[in-house]
Amino acid sequence: MHRPVFAFAPGEGGIIKGSGRSIPGLHLRDALDLVAKRAPDLLVRFGGHAMAAGVTVNAENFEKFRELFTQVAGELIAPLI
């Protein structure tokens, strides 16, 4: 099953930086924007376009980001029928 993916690496000062790639049917930057709107203090920064995006979060918030992004992606990706 095709799904979007992020790869994260630790940065300085307790942050982690992620680079993401998407799939057809999910605008990755728009999905991150929705995450930012639902949890305004969660993302340090983000940007990109439909098929690729970057995101920076505090390491302590990684699990919350993972859970919220998974929820948002699940809402936006059309189910396979």
N, C-alpha and C. Protein backbone atom coordinates (compact mmCIF):
# COMPACT_ATOMS: atom_id res chain seq x y z
N MET A 1 0.85 -1.17 0.00
CA MET A 1 0.00 0.00 0.00
C MET A 1 0.90 1.24 0.00
N HIS A 2 0.64 2.18 -0.87
CA HIS A 2 1.42 3.40 -0.95
C HIS A 2 0.97 4.40 0.11
N ARG A 3 1.94 4.97 0.78
CA ARG A 3 1.67 5.98 1.81
C ARG A 3 2.78 7.01 1.77
N PRO A 4 2.48 8.24 2.23
CA PRO A 4 3.53 9.26 2.32
C PRO A 4 4.53 8.86 3.39
N VAL A 5 5.74 9.42 3.30
CA VAL A 5 6.78 9.06 4.26
C VAL A 5 7.62 10.29 4.62
N PHE A 6 8.07 10.34 5.85
CA PHE A 6 9.03 11.34 6.32
C PHE A 6 10.24 10.61 6.87
N ALA A 7 11.41 11.15 6.62
CA ALA A 7 12.65 10.68 7.25
C ALA A 7 13.14 11.82 8.13
N PHE A 8 13.43 11.52 9.40
CA PHE A 8 13.84 12.55 10.36
C PHE A 8 15.28 12.34 10.81
N ALA A 9 15.91 13.46 11.13
CA ALA A 9 17.28 13.44 11.67
C ALA A 9 17.36 14.47 12.78
N PRO A 10 18.14 14.18 13.82
CA PRO A 10 18.27 15.15 14.90
C PRO A 10 19.02 16.40 14.44
N GLY A 11 18.58 17.53 14.93
CA GLY A 11 19.26 18.81 14.70
C GLY A 11 19.81 19.32 16.00
N GLU A 12 20.27 20.54 15.99
CA GLU A 12 20.82 21.14 17.20
C GLU A 12 19.70 21.73 18.05
N GLY A 13 19.93 21.79 19.34
CA GLY A 13 18.99 22.45 20.24
C GLY A 13 17.70 21.69 20.48
N GLY A 14 17.74 20.37 20.37
CA GLY A 14 16.56 19.58 20.69
C GLY A 14 15.49 19.57 19.61
N ILE A 15 15.86 19.89 18.38
CA ILE A 15 14.89 19.82 17.30
C ILE A 15 15.21 18.64 16.40
N ILE A 16 14.22 18.22 15.66
CA ILE A 16 14.44 17.21 14.62
C ILE A 16 13.87 17.76 13.32
N LYS A 17 14.54 17.42 12.23
CA LYS A 17 14.15 17.90 10.92
C LYS A 17 13.74 16.72 10.06
N GLY A 18 12.61 16.89 9.38
CA GLY A 18 12.10 15.82 8.54
C GLY A 18 11.97 16.24 7.09
N SER A 19 12.22 15.29 6.23
CA SER A 19 12.03 15.48 4.80
C SER A 19 10.99 14.47 4.34
N GLY A 20 9.93 14.95 3.70
CA GLY A 20 8.84 14.07 3.33
C GLY A 20 8.62 13.97 1.84
N ARG A 21 8.10 12.82 1.43
CA ARG A 21 7.69 12.58 0.06
C ARG A 21 6.26 12.05 0.11
N SER A 22 5.48 12.47 -0.86
CA SER A 22 4.07 12.12 -0.85
C SER A 22 3.72 11.11 -1.93
N ILE A 23 2.44 10.91 -2.08
CA ILE A 23 1.87 10.02 -3.08
C ILE A 23 0.81 10.80 -3.85
N PRO A 24 0.45 10.35 -5.04
CA PRO A 24 -0.66 11.01 -5.74
C PRO A 24 -1.91 11.00 -4.86
N GLY A 25 -2.59 12.12 -4.80
CA GLY A 25 -3.80 12.20 -4.01
C GLY A 25 -3.63 12.84 -2.65
N LEU A 26 -2.38 13.13 -2.25
CA LEU A 26 -2.14 13.82 -0.98
C LEU A 26 -1.17 14.96 -1.22
N HIS A 27 -1.64 16.18 -1.05
CA HIS A 27 -0.81 17.37 -1.15
C HIS A 27 -0.09 17.52 0.18
N LEU A 28 1.19 17.20 0.20
CA LEU A 28 1.94 17.11 1.45
C LEU A 28 2.02 18.44 2.19
N ARG A 29 2.28 19.52 1.48
CA ARG A 29 2.37 20.82 2.15
C ARG A 29 1.03 21.21 2.75
N ASP A 30 -0.06 20.95 2.05
CA ASP A 30 -1.39 21.26 2.58
C ASP A 30 -1.71 20.41 3.80
N ALA A 31 -1.25 19.16 3.80
CA ALA A 31 -1.46 18.30 4.98
C ALA A 31 -0.71 18.87 6.18
N LEU A 32 0.52 19.34 5.98
CA LEU A 32 1.27 19.95 7.07
C LEU A 32 0.61 21.23 7.54
N ASP A 33 0.04 21.99 6.62
CA ASP A 33 -0.68 23.21 7.00
C ASP A 33 -1.86 22.88 7.89
N LEU A 34 -2.57 21.81 7.58
CA LEU A 34 -3.70 21.39 8.41
C LEU A 34 -3.22 20.94 9.80
N VAL A 35 -2.09 20.25 9.86
CA VAL A 35 -1.50 19.88 11.15
C VAL A 35 -1.20 21.16 11.95
N ALA A 36 -0.60 22.14 11.30
CA ALA A 36 -0.25 23.40 11.98
C ALA A 36 -1.49 24.14 12.47
N LYS A 37 -2.58 24.06 11.72
CA LYS A 37 -3.81 24.73 12.14
C LYS A 37 -4.46 24.02 13.32
N ARG A 38 -4.36 22.71 13.36
CA ARG A 38 -4.96 21.95 14.46
C ARG A 38 -4.13 22.02 15.74
N ALA A 39 -2.83 22.20 15.59
CA ALA A 39 -1.92 22.28 16.75
C ALA A 39 -0.94 23.42 16.48
N PRO A 40 -1.36 24.67 16.71
CA PRO A 40 -0.57 25.84 16.30
C PRO A 40 0.86 25.90 16.85
N ASP A 41 1.13 25.32 17.98
CA ASP A 41 2.48 25.40 18.55
C ASP A 41 3.32 24.14 18.30
N LEU A 42 2.82 23.24 17.49
CA LEU A 42 3.50 21.96 17.30
C LEU A 42 4.70 22.05 16.36
N LEU A 43 4.53 22.69 15.22
CA LEU A 43 5.60 22.74 14.22
C LEU A 43 6.45 23.98 14.41
N VAL A 44 7.76 23.81 14.37
CA VAL A 44 8.67 24.95 14.43
C VAL A 44 8.62 25.67 13.08
N ARG A 45 8.66 24.89 11.99
CA ARG A 45 8.52 25.43 10.64
C ARG A 45 8.21 24.28 9.69
N PHE A 46 7.66 24.65 8.54
CA PHE A 46 7.40 23.66 7.49
C PHE A 46 7.28 24.39 6.17
N GLY A 47 7.40 23.64 5.10
CA GLY A 47 7.24 24.21 3.77
C GLY A 47 7.40 23.13 2.73
N GLY A 48 7.07 23.47 1.51
CA GLY A 48 7.22 22.52 0.44
C GLY A 48 6.14 22.66 -0.60
N HIS A 49 5.79 21.55 -1.21
CA HIS A 49 4.77 21.54 -2.25
C HIS A 49 4.02 20.21 -2.19
N ALA A 50 3.29 19.91 -3.24
CA ALA A 50 2.40 18.74 -3.22
C ALA A 50 3.12 17.42 -2.96
N MET A 51 4.26 17.23 -3.59
CA MET A 51 4.90 15.92 -3.52
C MET A 51 6.11 15.83 -2.59
N ALA A 52 6.58 16.97 -2.08
CA ALA A 52 7.73 16.95 -1.17
C ALA A 52 7.63 18.13 -0.21
N ALA A 53 8.03 17.89 1.03
CA ALA A 53 7.96 18.96 2.02
C ALA A 53 8.96 18.68 3.14
N GLY A 54 9.29 19.73 3.86
CA GLY A 54 10.15 19.62 5.02
C GLY A 54 9.42 20.12 6.25
N VAL A 55 9.79 19.58 7.40
CA VAL A 55 9.16 19.98 8.65
C VAL A 55 10.19 19.92 9.77
N THR A 56 10.10 20.86 10.69
CA THR A 56 10.96 20.89 11.87
C THR A 56 10.07 20.90 13.10
N VAL A 57 10.35 20.00 14.05
CA VAL A 57 9.60 19.93 15.30
C VAL A 57 10.58 19.77 16.46
N ASN A 58 10.14 20.18 17.63
CA ASN A 58 10.92 19.90 18.83
C ASN A 58 10.85 18.39 19.09
N ALA A 59 11.97 17.82 19.47
CA ALA A 59 12.04 16.37 19.67
C ALA A 59 10.97 15.89 20.64
N GLU A 60 10.67 16.67 21.64
CA GLU A 60 9.67 16.27 22.64
C GLU A 60 8.26 16.19 22.05
N ASN A 61 8.05 16.82 20.89
CA ASN A 61 6.74 16.82 20.25
C ASN A 61 6.63 15.84 19.09
N PHE A 62 7.65 15.02 18.89
CA PHE A 62 7.65 14.13 17.73
C PHE A 62 6.47 13.18 17.73
N GLU A 63 6.18 12.54 18.83
CA GLU A 63 5.06 11.58 18.88
C GLU A 63 3.74 12.26 18.59
N LYS A 64 3.55 13.46 19.12
CA LYS A 64 2.32 14.19 18.85
C LYS A 64 2.22 14.52 17.36
N PHE A 65 3.35 14.93 16.75
CA PHE A 65 3.35 15.19 15.31
C PHE A 65 3.00 13.92 14.55
N ARG A 66 3.63 12.82 14.90
CA ARG A 66 3.40 11.56 14.20
C ARG A 66 1.92 11.17 14.25
N GLU A 67 1.33 11.28 15.41
CA GLU A 67 -0.07 10.91 15.58
C GLU A 67 -0.99 11.85 14.79
N LEU A 68 -0.75 13.16 14.88
CA LEU A 68 -1.61 14.12 14.20
C LEU A 68 -1.44 14.05 12.68
N PHE A 69 -0.20 13.90 12.21
CA PHE A 69 -0.01 13.77 10.77
C PHE A 69 -0.68 12.51 10.25
N THR A 70 -0.57 11.41 10.96
CA THR A 70 -1.21 10.16 10.56
C THR A 70 -2.72 10.35 10.46
N GLN A 71 -3.29 11.06 11.42
CA GLN A 71 -4.72 11.33 11.41
C GLN A 71 -5.11 12.18 10.20
N VAL A 72 -4.38 13.27 9.98
CA VAL A 72 -4.67 14.16 8.86
C VAL A 72 -4.52 13.43 7.53
N ALA A 73 -3.44 12.70 7.35
CA ALA A 73 -3.23 11.96 6.11
C ALA A 73 -4.35 10.95 5.88
N GLY A 74 -4.76 10.28 6.94
CA GLY A 74 -5.86 9.32 6.83
C GLY A 74 -7.16 9.96 6.39
N GLU A 75 -7.36 11.20 6.81
CA GLU A 75 -8.57 11.92 6.40
C GLU A 75 -8.49 12.37 4.94
N LEU A 76 -7.30 12.72 4.47
CA LEU A 76 -7.14 13.29 3.15
C LEU A 76 -6.91 12.26 2.04
N ILE A 77 -6.38 11.11 2.37
CA ILE A 77 -6.10 10.08 1.37
C ILE A 77 -7.38 9.31 1.10
N ALA A 78 -7.75 9.23 -0.16
CA ALA A 78 -8.94 8.48 -0.53
C ALA A 78 -8.69 6.99 -0.31
N PRO A 79 -9.66 6.29 0.28
CA PRO A 79 -9.48 4.85 0.49
C PRO A 79 -9.43 4.11 -0.86
N LEU A 80 -8.65 3.04 -0.87
CA LEU A 80 -8.58 2.20 -2.07
C LEU A 80 -9.81 1.32 -2.13
N ILE A 81 -10.49 1.35 -3.23
CA ILE A 81 -11.71 0.53 -3.37
C ILE A 81 -11.55 -0.40 -4.54
